[in-house]
């Protein structure tokens, strides 16, 4: 059995929580790597392009030969993957800029506040995603905890020039997650997850290469450090999207039910927020306030509520 086919058979058998944990760890690693890229003075956009090259290779590795023989350009989800890919690289660069200027915790929360978009869409679009009292309590507490984590009394680490970045991230990432949820609900099953992810990353890669050529920045790709950090970034970036799609598609064998998108997105985003703030504190000496710590604690309660409403 070829490695790509072997992995494609094994991975879908893992539990939903394992997929969620892998997606959470991968996403948290993205913010940490962006901070390291800043410290090492590596050209950010070049590292992002290498990252998408790596993510494409990872996707091809997980696709079997039958999937790659599909007429991908005629697939109904292909135009959506192009849009997501372009948004991916635009938002990825914006995340990098905001991380470097405002810190891990502020950036993470600005991104993860966008969870309200896919949650609202999932409840509206997915007939199986029913809004219960327990789920609503978890969602409300999630939004409150995110606000408390980002709250900074009497000061802001974001300059006036960069103040627009969190808003861009909020809207842009909300659009990305909503499109991913729509594609997963309408077109993508577990078997197509590698191919769909690869199409997204290939679109982002081509967009990045065109941008580097236009701005005469291709010389930045000659740096060994750019490639090393870009490869590391690409591995965790692919994992964050791929494992999220698997978690959304996972069907509980005991109940025969698929995961509610609102719960999966809620737990995924909350856990990433909490872990990223802790990573900023432990690794980069970013000092959360008492209000921030309260937000982290409440996020844990919100995760428990969302889990109880689903699992």
C-alpha atoms as a PDB file:
ATOM      1  CA  UNK A   1       0.000   0.000   0.000  1.00  0.00           C
ATOM      2  CA  UNK A   2       1.354   3.415  -0.977  1.00  0.00           C
ATOM      3  CA  UNK A   3       2.048   5.806   1.952  1.00  0.00           C
ATOM      4  CA  UNK A   4      -0.529   8.321   0.710  1.00  0.00           C
ATOM      5  CA  UNK A   5      -3.279   5.680   0.544  1.00  0.00           C
ATOM      6  CA  UNK A   6      -2.247   4.212   3.898  1.00  0.00           C
ATOM      7  CA  UNK A   7      -2.538   7.581   5.652  1.00  0.00           C
ATOM      8  CA  UNK A   8      -5.847   8.327   3.919  1.00  0.00           C
ATOM      9  CA  UNK A   9      -7.226   5.051   5.353  1.00  0.00           C
ATOM     10  CA  UNK A  10      -5.860   5.449   8.893  1.00  0.00           C
ATOM     11  CA  UNK A  11      -6.600   9.131   9.558  1.00  0.00           C
ATOM     12  CA  UNK A  12     -10.404   9.070   9.127  1.00  0.00           C
ATOM     13  CA  UNK A  13     -10.599   6.283  11.760  1.00  0.00           C
ATOM     14  CA  UNK A  14      -9.285   8.560  14.495  1.00  0.00           C
ATOM     15  CA  UNK A  15     -11.809  10.099  16.872  1.00  0.00           C
ATOM     16  CA  UNK A  16     -13.263  13.557  16.386  1.00  0.00           C
ATOM     17  CA  UNK A  17     -11.486  14.913  19.471  1.00  0.00           C
ATOM     18  CA  UNK A  18      -8.125  13.740  18.127  1.00  0.00           C
ATOM     19  CA  UNK A  19      -8.754  15.647  14.896  1.00  0.00           C
ATOM     20  CA  UNK A  20      -9.741  18.732  16.891  1.00  0.00           C
ATOM     21  CA  UNK A  21      -6.654  18.526  19.098  1.00  0.00           C
ATOM     22  CA  UNK A  22      -4.375  18.160  16.069  1.00  0.00           C
ATOM     23  CA  UNK A  23      -6.022  21.158  14.380  1.00  0.00           C
ATOM     24  CA  UNK A  24      -5.732  23.232  17.567  1.00  0.00           C
ATOM     25  CA  UNK A  25      -2.049  22.404  18.081  1.00  0.00           C
ATOM     26  CA  UNK A  26      -1.294  23.101  14.416  1.00  0.00           C
ATOM     27  CA  UNK A  27      -3.056  26.479  14.461  1.00  0.00           C
ATOM     28  CA  UNK A  28      -1.359  27.548  17.696  1.00  0.00           C
ATOM     29  CA  UNK A  29       2.021  26.654  16.206  1.00  0.00           C
ATOM     30  CA  UNK A  30       1.349  29.059  13.317  1.00  0.00           C
ATOM     31  CA  UNK A  31       1.326  32.070  15.658  1.00  0.00           C
ATOM     32  CA  UNK A  32       4.455  30.895  17.458  1.00  0.00           C
ATOM     33  CA  UNK A  33       6.315  30.454  14.166  1.00  0.00           C
ATOM     34  CA  UNK A  34       5.279  33.918  12.975  1.00  0.00           C
ATOM     35  CA  UNK A  35       6.737  35.377  16.154  1.00  0.00           C
ATOM     36  CA  UNK A  36       9.987  33.466  15.554  1.00  0.00           C
ATOM     37  CA  UNK A  37      10.095  34.668  11.949  1.00  0.00           C
ATOM     38  CA  UNK A  38       9.910  38.226  13.250  1.00  0.00           C
ATOM     39  CA  UNK A  39      12.707  37.636  15.777  1.00  0.00           C
ATOM     40  CA  UNK A  40      14.921  36.047  13.120  1.00  0.00           C
ATOM     41  CA  UNK A  41      14.348  38.960  10.690  1.00  0.00           C
ATOM     42  CA  UNK A  42      13.127  36.631   7.952  1.00  0.00           C
ATOM     43  CA  UNK A  43      11.170  38.130   5.052  1.00  0.00           C
ATOM     44  CA  UNK A  44       7.640  37.210   6.088  1.00  0.00           C
ATOM     45  CA  UNK A  45       5.882  36.987   2.729  1.00  0.00           C
ATOM     46  CA  UNK A  46       8.643  34.817   1.229  1.00  0.00           C
ATOM     47  CA  UNK A  47       8.309  32.400   4.147  1.00  0.00           C
ATOM     48  CA  UNK A  48       4.548  32.363   3.562  1.00  0.00           C
ATOM     49  CA  UNK A  49       5.059  31.404  -0.108  1.00  0.00           C
ATOM     50  CA  UNK A  50       7.384  28.547   0.917  1.00  0.00           C
ATOM     51  CA  UNK A  51       4.769  27.559   3.471  1.00  0.00           C
ATOM     52  CA  UNK A  52       2.129  27.104   0.771  1.00  0.00           C
ATOM     53  CA  UNK A  53       4.556  25.162  -1.426  1.00  0.00           C
ATOM     54  CA  UNK A  54       5.087  22.778   1.505  1.00  0.00           C
ATOM     55  CA  UNK A  55       1.358  22.562   2.225  1.00  0.00           C
ATOM     56  CA  UNK A  56       0.724  21.634  -1.430  1.00  0.00           C
ATOM     57  CA  UNK A  57       3.269  18.812  -1.220  1.00  0.00           C
ATOM     58  CA  UNK A  58       1.654  17.552   1.976  1.00  0.00           C
ATOM     59  CA  UNK A  59      -1.712  17.514   0.242  1.00  0.00           C
ATOM     60  CA  UNK A  60      -0.393  15.626  -2.791  1.00  0.00           C
ATOM     61  CA  UNK A  61       1.210  13.108  -0.426  1.00  0.00           C
ATOM     62  CA  UNK A  62      -2.160  12.351   1.182  1.00  0.00           C
ATOM     63  CA  UNK A  63      -4.068  12.181  -2.123  1.00  0.00           C
ATOM     64  CA  UNK A  64      -4.199   8.800  -3.808  1.00  0.00           C
ATOM     65  CA  UNK A  65      -3.706   8.360  -7.550  1.00  0.00           C
ATOM     66  CA  UNK A  66      -7.440   8.008  -8.217  1.00  0.00           C
ATOM     67  CA  UNK A  67      -8.185  11.373  -6.603  1.00  0.00           C
ATOM     68  CA  UNK A  68      -5.425  13.099  -8.560  1.00  0.00           C
ATOM     69  CA  UNK A  69      -6.860  11.713 -11.808  1.00  0.00           C
ATOM     70  CA  UNK A  70     -10.144  13.571 -11.217  1.00  0.00           C
ATOM     71  CA  UNK A  71     -10.903  16.484 -13.512  1.00  0.00           C
ATOM     72  CA  UNK A  72     -10.336  18.867 -10.645  1.00  0.00           C
ATOM     73  CA  UNK A  73     -11.095  21.982 -12.693  1.00  0.00           C
ATOM     74  CA  UNK A  74     -14.629  20.756 -13.367  1.00  0.00           C
ATOM     75  CA  UNK A  75     -15.404  19.933  -9.747  1.00  0.00           C
ATOM     76  CA  UNK A  76     -18.196  22.149  -8.310  1.00  0.00           C
ATOM     77  CA  UNK A  77     -16.061  23.081  -5.292  1.00  0.00           C
ATOM     78  CA  UNK A  78     -13.016  24.161  -7.332  1.00  0.00           C
ATOM     79  CA  UNK A  79     -14.010  27.867  -7.755  1.00  0.00           C
ATOM     80  CA  UNK A  80     -14.627  28.075  -4.004  1.00  0.00           C
ATOM     81  CA  UNK A  81     -11.189  26.605  -3.300  1.00  0.00           C
ATOM     82  CA  UNK A  82      -9.638  29.355  -5.457  1.00  0.00           C
ATOM     83  CA  UNK A  83     -11.425  32.076  -3.482  1.00  0.00           C
ATOM     84  CA  UNK A  84     -10.433  30.485  -0.169  1.00  0.00           C
ATOM     85  CA  UNK A  85      -6.825  30.154  -1.346  1.00  0.00           C
ATOM     86  CA  UNK A  86      -6.527  33.834  -2.276  1.00  0.00           C
ATOM     87  CA  UNK A  87      -8.126  34.835   1.032  1.00  0.00           C
ATOM     88  CA  UNK A  88      -5.795  32.432   2.826  1.00  0.00           C
ATOM     89  CA  UNK A  89      -2.597  34.105   1.723  1.00  0.00           C
ATOM     90  CA  UNK A  90      -3.997  37.617   2.212  1.00  0.00           C
ATOM     91  CA  UNK A  91      -5.140  36.766   5.742  1.00  0.00           C
ATOM     92  CA  UNK A  92      -1.953  34.830   6.473  1.00  0.00           C
ATOM     93  CA  UNK A  93       0.147  37.870   5.684  1.00  0.00           C
ATOM     94  CA  UNK A  94      -2.160  40.074   7.742  1.00  0.00           C
ATOM     95  CA  UNK A  95      -1.859  37.629  10.655  1.00  0.00           C
ATOM     96  CA  UNK A  96       1.923  37.812  10.376  1.00  0.00           C
ATOM     97  CA  UNK A  97       1.925  41.619  10.402  1.00  0.00           C
ATOM     98  CA  UNK A  98      -0.456  41.823  13.346  1.00  0.00           C
ATOM     99  CA  UNK A  99       1.464  39.176  15.316  1.00  0.00           C
ATOM    100  CA  UNK A 100       4.692  41.104  14.860  1.00  0.00           C
ATOM    101  CA  UNK A 101       3.167  44.470  15.761  1.00  0.00           C
ATOM    102  CA  UNK A 102       0.608  43.561  18.424  1.00  0.00           C
ATOM    103  CA  UNK A 103       1.720  40.235  19.856  1.00  0.00           C
ATOM    104  CA  UNK A 104       0.412  36.694  19.740  1.00  0.00           C
ATOM    105  CA  UNK A 105      -2.537  37.080  22.102  1.00  0.00           C
ATOM    106  CA  UNK A 106      -4.080  40.171  20.459  1.00  0.00           C
ATOM    107  CA  UNK A 107      -3.707  38.659  16.992  1.00  0.00           C
ATOM    108  CA  UNK A 108      -5.112  35.296  18.004  1.00  0.00           C
ATOM    109  CA  UNK A 109      -8.204  36.788  19.598  1.00  0.00           C
ATOM    110  CA  UNK A 110      -8.771  39.173  16.668  1.00  0.00           C
ATOM    111  CA  UNK A 111      -8.772  36.145  14.370  1.00  0.00           C
ATOM    112  CA  UNK A 112     -10.792  33.868  16.591  1.00  0.00           C
ATOM    113  CA  UNK A 113     -13.527  36.424  17.306  1.00  0.00           C
ATOM    114  CA  UNK A 114     -14.502  35.676  13.710  1.00  0.00           C
ATOM    115  CA  UNK A 115     -15.863  32.339  14.951  1.00  0.00           C
ATOM    116  CA  UNK A 116     -19.280  34.047  15.153  1.00  0.00           C
ATOM    117  CA  UNK A 117     -19.458  33.920  11.327  1.00  0.00           C
ATOM    118  CA  UNK A 118     -19.122  30.135  10.790  1.00  0.00           C
ATOM    119  CA  UNK A 119     -21.150  29.365  13.938  1.00  0.00           C
ATOM    120  CA  UNK A 120     -24.064  31.524  12.770  1.00  0.00           C
ATOM    121  CA  UNK A 121     -23.804  30.129   9.240  1.00  0.00           C
ATOM    122  CA  UNK A 122     -23.683  26.516  10.452  1.00  0.00           C
ATOM    123  CA  UNK A 123     -26.799  26.931  12.595  1.00  0.00           C
ATOM    124  CA  UNK A 124     -28.629  28.641   9.705  1.00  0.00           C
ATOM    125  CA  UNK A 125     -27.452  26.345   6.878  1.00  0.00           C
ATOM    126  CA  UNK A 126     -27.038  22.923   8.512  1.00  0.00           C
ATOM    127  CA  UNK A 127     -30.383  21.322   9.394  1.00  0.00           C
ATOM    128  CA  UNK A 128     -28.655  19.004  11.874  1.00  0.00           C
ATOM    129  CA  UNK A 129     -26.986  21.856  13.762  1.00  0.00           C
ATOM    130  CA  UNK A 130     -29.752  22.656  16.249  1.00  0.00           C
ATOM    131  CA  UNK A 131     -29.374  25.585  18.633  1.00  0.00           C
ATOM    132  CA  UNK A 132     -29.989  24.206  22.139  1.00  0.00           C
ATOM    133  CA  UNK A 133     -29.931  26.135  25.413  1.00  0.00           C
ATOM    134  CA  UNK A 134     -26.652  24.480  26.400  1.00  0.00           C
ATOM    135  CA  UNK A 135     -25.061  25.270  23.044  1.00  0.00           C
ATOM    136  CA  UNK A 136     -26.274  28.878  23.125  1.00  0.00           C
ATOM    137  CA  UNK A 137     -24.837  29.286  26.635  1.00  0.00           C
ATOM    138  CA  UNK A 138     -21.490  27.982  25.425  1.00  0.00           C
ATOM    139  CA  UNK A 139     -21.453  30.302  22.405  1.00  0.00           C
ATOM    140  CA  UNK A 140     -22.325  33.399  24.470  1.00  0.00           C
ATOM    141  CA  UNK A 141     -19.704  32.510  27.071  1.00  0.00           C
ATOM    142  CA  UNK A 142     -17.204  31.920  24.256  1.00  0.00           C
ATOM    143  CA  UNK A 143     -17.678  35.430  22.861  1.00  0.00           C
ATOM    144  CA  UNK A 144     -17.404  36.918  26.370  1.00  0.00           C
ATOM    145  CA  UNK A 145     -14.231  34.982  27.161  1.00  0.00           C
ATOM    146  CA  UNK A 146     -12.611  36.063  23.896  1.00  0.00           C
ATOM    147  CA  UNK A 147     -13.356  39.712  24.743  1.00  0.00           C
ATOM    148  CA  UNK A 148     -11.827  39.310  28.208  1.00  0.00           C
ATOM    149  CA  UNK A 149      -8.697  37.668  26.815  1.00  0.00           C
ATOM    150  CA  UNK A 150      -8.051  40.574  24.431  1.00  0.00           C
ATOM    151  CA  UNK A 151      -9.034  43.297  26.920  1.00  0.00           C
ATOM    152  CA  UNK A 152      -6.169  45.692  27.749  1.00  0.00           C
ATOM    153  CA  UNK A 153      -7.038  48.369  30.297  1.00  0.00           C
ATOM    154  CA  UNK A 154      -5.619  51.827  29.677  1.00  0.00           C
ATOM    155  CA  UNK A 155      -3.273  50.861  26.855  1.00  0.00           C
ATOM    156  CA  UNK A 156      -3.010  49.328  23.460  1.00  0.00           C
ATOM    157  CA  UNK A 157      -0.057  47.677  21.875  1.00  0.00           C
ATOM    158  CA  UNK A 158      -1.439  48.358  18.421  1.00  0.00           C
ATOM    159  CA  UNK A 159      -0.320  51.545  16.717  1.00  0.00           C
ATOM    160  CA  UNK A 160      -2.857  53.866  15.109  1.00  0.00           C
ATOM    161  CA  UNK A 161      -1.601  52.832  11.671  1.00  0.00           C
ATOM    162  CA  UNK A 162      -2.133  49.159  12.473  1.00  0.00           C
ATOM    163  CA  UNK A 163      -5.475  49.556  14.261  1.00  0.00           C
ATOM    164  CA  UNK A 164      -7.368  48.420  11.171  1.00  0.00           C
ATOM    165  CA  UNK A 165      -5.590  45.046  11.043  1.00  0.00           C
ATOM    166  CA  UNK A 166      -7.723  43.273  13.693  1.00  0.00           C
ATOM    167  CA  UNK A 167     -10.903  44.344  11.881  1.00  0.00           C
ATOM    168  CA  UNK A 168      -9.550  43.010   8.582  1.00  0.00           C
ATOM    169  CA  UNK A 169      -8.693  39.718  10.281  1.00  0.00           C
ATOM    170  CA  UNK A 170     -12.119  39.506  11.910  1.00  0.00           C
ATOM    171  CA  UNK A 171     -14.015  39.862   8.627  1.00  0.00           C
ATOM    172  CA  UNK A 172     -11.538  38.014   6.405  1.00  0.00           C
ATOM    173  CA  UNK A 173     -11.096  34.950   8.613  1.00  0.00           C
ATOM    174  CA  UNK A 174     -14.841  34.851   9.199  1.00  0.00           C
ATOM    175  CA  UNK A 175     -15.315  34.603   5.436  1.00  0.00           C
ATOM    176  CA  UNK A 176     -12.669  31.870   5.160  1.00  0.00           C
ATOM    177  CA  UNK A 177     -14.164  29.698   7.916  1.00  0.00           C
ATOM    178  CA  UNK A 178     -17.678  30.184   6.548  1.00  0.00           C
ATOM    179  CA  UNK A 179     -16.609  29.128   3.043  1.00  0.00           C
ATOM    180  CA  UNK A 180     -14.810  26.087   4.481  1.00  0.00           C
ATOM    181  CA  UNK A 181     -17.963  25.105   6.387  1.00  0.00           C
ATOM    182  CA  UNK A 182     -20.141  25.603   3.280  1.00  0.00           C
ATOM    183  CA  UNK A 183     -17.800  23.485   1.143  1.00  0.00           C
ATOM    184  CA  UNK A 184     -17.596  20.749   3.777  1.00  0.00           C
ATOM    185  CA  UNK A 185     -21.379  20.609   4.176  1.00  0.00           C
ATOM    186  CA  UNK A 186     -22.145  20.709   0.454  1.00  0.00           C
ATOM    187  CA  UNK A 187     -19.306  19.016  -1.426  1.00  0.00           C
ATOM    188  CA  UNK A 188     -16.439  17.631   0.663  1.00  0.00           C
ATOM    189  CA  UNK A 189     -16.407  14.279   2.448  1.00  0.00           C
ATOM    190  CA  UNK A 190     -13.464  12.762   4.330  1.00  0.00           C
ATOM    191  CA  UNK A 191     -12.078  11.162   1.170  1.00  0.00           C
ATOM    192  CA  UNK A 192     -11.930  14.493  -0.678  1.00  0.00           C
ATOM    193  CA  UNK A 193     -10.412  16.457   2.226  1.00  0.00           C
ATOM    194  CA  UNK A 194      -6.774  16.066   1.024  1.00  0.00           C
ATOM    195  CA  UNK A 195      -7.628  17.087  -2.555  1.00  0.00           C
ATOM    196  CA  UNK A 196      -9.723  20.067  -1.467  1.00  0.00           C
ATOM    197  CA  UNK A 197      -6.990  21.243   0.922  1.00  0.00           C
ATOM    198  CA  UNK A 198      -4.374  20.869  -1.809  1.00  0.00           C
ATOM    199  CA  UNK A 199      -6.437  22.970  -4.241  1.00  0.00           C
ATOM    200  CA  UNK A 200      -6.724  25.726  -1.617  1.00  0.00           C
ATOM    201  CA  UNK A 201      -2.999  25.789  -0.905  1.00  0.00           C
ATOM    202  CA  UNK A 202      -2.092  25.619  -4.608  1.00  0.00           C
ATOM    203  CA  UNK A 203      -4.248  28.686  -5.245  1.00  0.00           C
ATOM    204  CA  UNK A 204      -2.564  30.512  -2.370  1.00  0.00           C
ATOM    205  CA  UNK A 205       0.878  29.464  -3.644  1.00  0.00           C
ATOM    206  CA  UNK A 206       0.260  30.802  -7.163  1.00  0.00           C
ATOM    207  CA  UNK A 207      -1.069  34.067  -5.717  1.00  0.00           C
ATOM    208  CA  UNK A 208       2.066  34.400  -3.593  1.00  0.00           C
ATOM    209  CA  UNK A 209       4.457  33.692  -6.469  1.00  0.00           C
ATOM    210  CA  UNK A 210       2.737  36.281  -8.665  1.00  0.00           C
ATOM    211  CA  UNK A 211       3.029  38.814  -5.848  1.00  0.00           C
ATOM    212  CA  UNK A 212       6.746  38.096  -5.344  1.00  0.00           C
ATOM    213  CA  UNK A 213       7.390  38.443  -9.080  1.00  0.00           C
ATOM    214  CA  UNK A 214       5.432  41.687  -9.255  1.00  0.00           C
ATOM    215  CA  UNK A 215       7.337  43.144  -6.298  1.00  0.00           C
ATOM    216  CA  UNK A 216      10.735  41.790  -7.442  1.00  0.00           C
ATOM    217  CA  UNK A 217      11.155  39.802  -4.219  1.00  0.00           C
ATOM    218  CA  UNK A 218      12.050  36.373  -5.649  1.00  0.00           C
ATOM    219  CA  UNK A 219      15.632  36.813  -4.429  1.00  0.00           C
ATOM    220  CA  UNK A 220      14.315  36.391  -0.862  1.00  0.00           C
ATOM    221  CA  UNK A 221      13.620  32.737  -1.651  1.00  0.00           C
ATOM    222  CA  UNK A 222      17.362  32.018  -1.795  1.00  0.00           C
ATOM    223  CA  UNK A 223      17.659  32.244   1.986  1.00  0.00           C
ATOM    224  CA  UNK A 224      18.039  28.908   3.800  1.00  0.00           C
ATOM    225  CA  UNK A 225      16.343  30.282   6.916  1.00  0.00           C
ATOM    226  CA  UNK A 226      13.359  31.356   4.805  1.00  0.00           C
ATOM    227  CA  UNK A 227      12.952  27.807   3.538  1.00  0.00           C
ATOM    228  CA  UNK A 228      13.385  26.200   6.954  1.00  0.00           C
ATOM    229  CA  UNK A 229      10.786  28.409   8.618  1.00  0.00           C
ATOM    230  CA  UNK A 230       8.510  28.249   5.578  1.00  0.00           C
ATOM    231  CA  UNK A 231       8.573  24.441   5.574  1.00  0.00           C
ATOM    232  CA  UNK A 232       7.775  24.305   9.296  1.00  0.00           C
ATOM    233  CA  UNK A 233       4.972  26.806   8.757  1.00  0.00           C
ATOM    234  CA  UNK A 234       3.609  24.824   5.814  1.00  0.00           C
ATOM    235  CA  UNK A 235       3.376  21.576   7.766  1.00  0.00           C
ATOM    236  CA  UNK A 236       1.354  23.061  10.625  1.00  0.00           C
ATOM    237  CA  UNK A 237      -0.700  25.248   8.275  1.00  0.00           C
ATOM    238  CA  UNK A 238      -1.786  22.233   6.261  1.00  0.00           C
ATOM    239  CA  UNK A 239      -2.572  20.367   9.461  1.00  0.00           C
ATOM    240  CA  UNK A 240      -4.744  23.167  10.814  1.00  0.00           C
ATOM    241  CA  UNK A 241      -7.064  23.093   7.782  1.00  0.00           C
ATOM    242  CA  UNK A 242      -6.948  19.377   6.997  1.00  0.00           C
ATOM    243  CA  UNK A 243      -7.686  18.189  10.525  1.00  0.00           C
ATOM    244  CA  UNK A 244     -10.443  20.792  10.938  1.00  0.00           C
ATOM    245  CA  UNK A 245     -12.211  19.436   7.842  1.00  0.00           C
ATOM    246  CA  UNK A 246     -11.835  15.874   9.161  1.00  0.00           C
ATOM    247  CA  UNK A 247     -13.301  16.935  12.519  1.00  0.00           C
ATOM    248  CA  UNK A 248     -16.266  18.563  10.754  1.00  0.00           C
ATOM    249  CA  UNK A 249     -16.842  15.449   8.632  1.00  0.00           C
ATOM    250  CA  UNK A 250     -16.365  12.899  11.400  1.00  0.00           C
ATOM    251  CA  UNK A 251     -19.388  10.688  12.076  1.00  0.00           C
ATOM    252  CA  UNK A 252     -19.771   9.183  15.551  1.00  0.00           C
ATOM    253  CA  UNK A 253     -20.085   5.412  15.059  1.00  0.00           C
ATOM    254  CA  UNK A 254     -22.193   4.986  18.220  1.00  0.00           C
ATOM    255  CA  UNK A 255     -24.785   7.621  17.268  1.00  0.00           C
ATOM    256  CA  UNK A 256     -24.391   7.888  13.498  1.00  0.00           C
ATOM    257  CA  UNK A 257     -24.354  11.675  13.804  1.00  0.00           C
ATOM    258  CA  UNK A 258     -21.943  14.162  12.266  1.00  0.00           C
ATOM    259  CA  UNK A 259     -20.361  16.868  14.396  1.00  0.00           C
ATOM    260  CA  UNK A 260     -22.226  20.184  14.666  1.00  0.00           C
ATOM    261  CA  UNK A 261     -20.193  22.853  12.913  1.00  0.00           C
ATOM    262  CA  UNK A 262     -21.041  25.424  15.575  1.00  0.00           C
ATOM    263  CA  UNK A 263     -19.572  23.202  18.300  1.00  0.00           C
ATOM    264  CA  UNK A 264     -16.460  22.212  16.336  1.00  0.00           C
ATOM    265  CA  UNK A 265     -15.658  25.818  15.393  1.00  0.00           C
ATOM    266  CA  UNK A 266     -16.397  27.003  18.925  1.00  0.00           C
ATOM    267  CA  UNK A 267     -14.113  24.506  20.655  1.00  0.00           C
ATOM    268  CA  UNK A 268     -11.412  24.884  18.007  1.00  0.00           C
ATOM    269  CA  UNK A 269     -11.276  28.664  18.239  1.00  0.00           C
ATOM    270  CA  UNK A 270     -11.497  28.873  22.027  1.00  0.00           C
ATOM    271  CA  UNK A 271      -8.722  26.344  22.581  1.00  0.00           C
ATOM    272  CA  UNK A 272      -6.454  28.130  20.103  1.00  0.00           C
ATOM    273  CA  UNK A 273      -7.054  31.441  21.886  1.00  0.00           C
ATOM    274  CA  UNK A 274      -6.188  30.001  25.294  1.00  0.00           C
ATOM    275  CA  UNK A 275      -3.118  28.103  24.084  1.00  0.00           C
ATOM    276  CA  UNK A 276      -1.798  31.050  22.075  1.00  0.00           C
ATOM    277  CA  UNK A 277      -2.065  33.415  25.039  1.00  0.00           C
ATOM    278  CA  UNK A 278      -0.270  30.875  27.225  1.00  0.00           C
ATOM    279  CA  UNK A 279       2.400  30.441  24.549  1.00  0.00           C
ATOM    280  CA  UNK A 280       2.897  34.198  24.355  1.00  0.00           C
ATOM    281  CA  UNK A 281       3.285  34.316  28.141  1.00  0.00           C
ATOM    282  CA  UNK A 282       5.672  31.366  28.446  1.00  0.00           C
ATOM    283  CA  UNK A 283       7.786  31.838  25.327  1.00  0.00           C
ATOM    284  CA  UNK A 284       7.756  35.557  24.563  1.00  0.00           C
ATOM    285  CA  UNK A 285       7.089  37.177  27.956  1.00  0.00           C
ATOM    286  CA  UNK A 286       3.776  38.678  26.871  1.00  0.00           C
ATOM    287  CA  UNK A 287       2.036  39.543  30.147  1.00  0.00           C
ATOM    288  CA  UNK A 288      -1.702  38.813  30.323  1.00  0.00           C
ATOM    289  CA  UNK A 289      -3.682  40.856  32.859  1.00  0.00           C
ATOM    290  CA  UNK A 290      -6.007  39.411  35.502  1.00  0.00           C
ATOM    291  CA  UNK A 291      -8.865  40.080  33.113  1.00  0.00           C
ATOM    292  CA  UNK A 292      -7.058  38.085  30.425  1.00  0.00           C
ATOM    293  CA  UNK A 293      -6.551  35.154  32.795  1.00  0.00           C
ATOM    294  CA  UNK A 294     -10.258  35.299  33.678  1.00  0.00           C
ATOM    295  CA  UNK A 295     -11.033  35.101  29.968  1.00  0.00           C
ATOM    296  CA  UNK A 296      -8.832  32.018  29.621  1.00  0.00           C
ATOM    297  CA  UNK A 297     -10.620  30.372  32.553  1.00  0.00           C
ATOM    298  CA  UNK A 298     -14.040  31.192  31.102  1.00  0.00           C
ATOM    299  CA  UNK A 299     -12.970  29.820  27.729  1.00  0.00           C
ATOM    300  CA  UNK A 300     -12.361  26.491  29.449  1.00  0.00           C
ATOM    301  CA  UNK A 301     -15.899  26.555  30.858  1.00  0.00           C
ATOM    302  CA  UNK A 302     -17.280  27.459  27.419  1.00  0.00           C
ATOM    303  CA  UNK A 303     -15.425  24.525  25.850  1.00  0.00           C
ATOM    304  CA  UNK A 304     -16.940  22.155  28.427  1.00  0.00           C
ATOM    305  CA  UNK A 305     -20.452  23.481  27.704  1.00  0.00           C
ATOM    306  CA  UNK A 306     -19.982  23.120  23.947  1.00  0.00           C
ATOM    307  CA  UNK A 307     -18.594  19.605  24.362  1.00  0.00           C
ATOM    308  CA  UNK A 308     -21.532  18.563  26.552  1.00  0.00           C
ATOM    309  CA  UNK A 309     -23.951  19.895  23.943  1.00  0.00           C
ATOM    310  CA  UNK A 310     -22.406  17.694  21.268  1.00  0.00           C
ATOM    311  CA  UNK A 311     -20.397  14.756  22.537  1.00  0.00           C
END
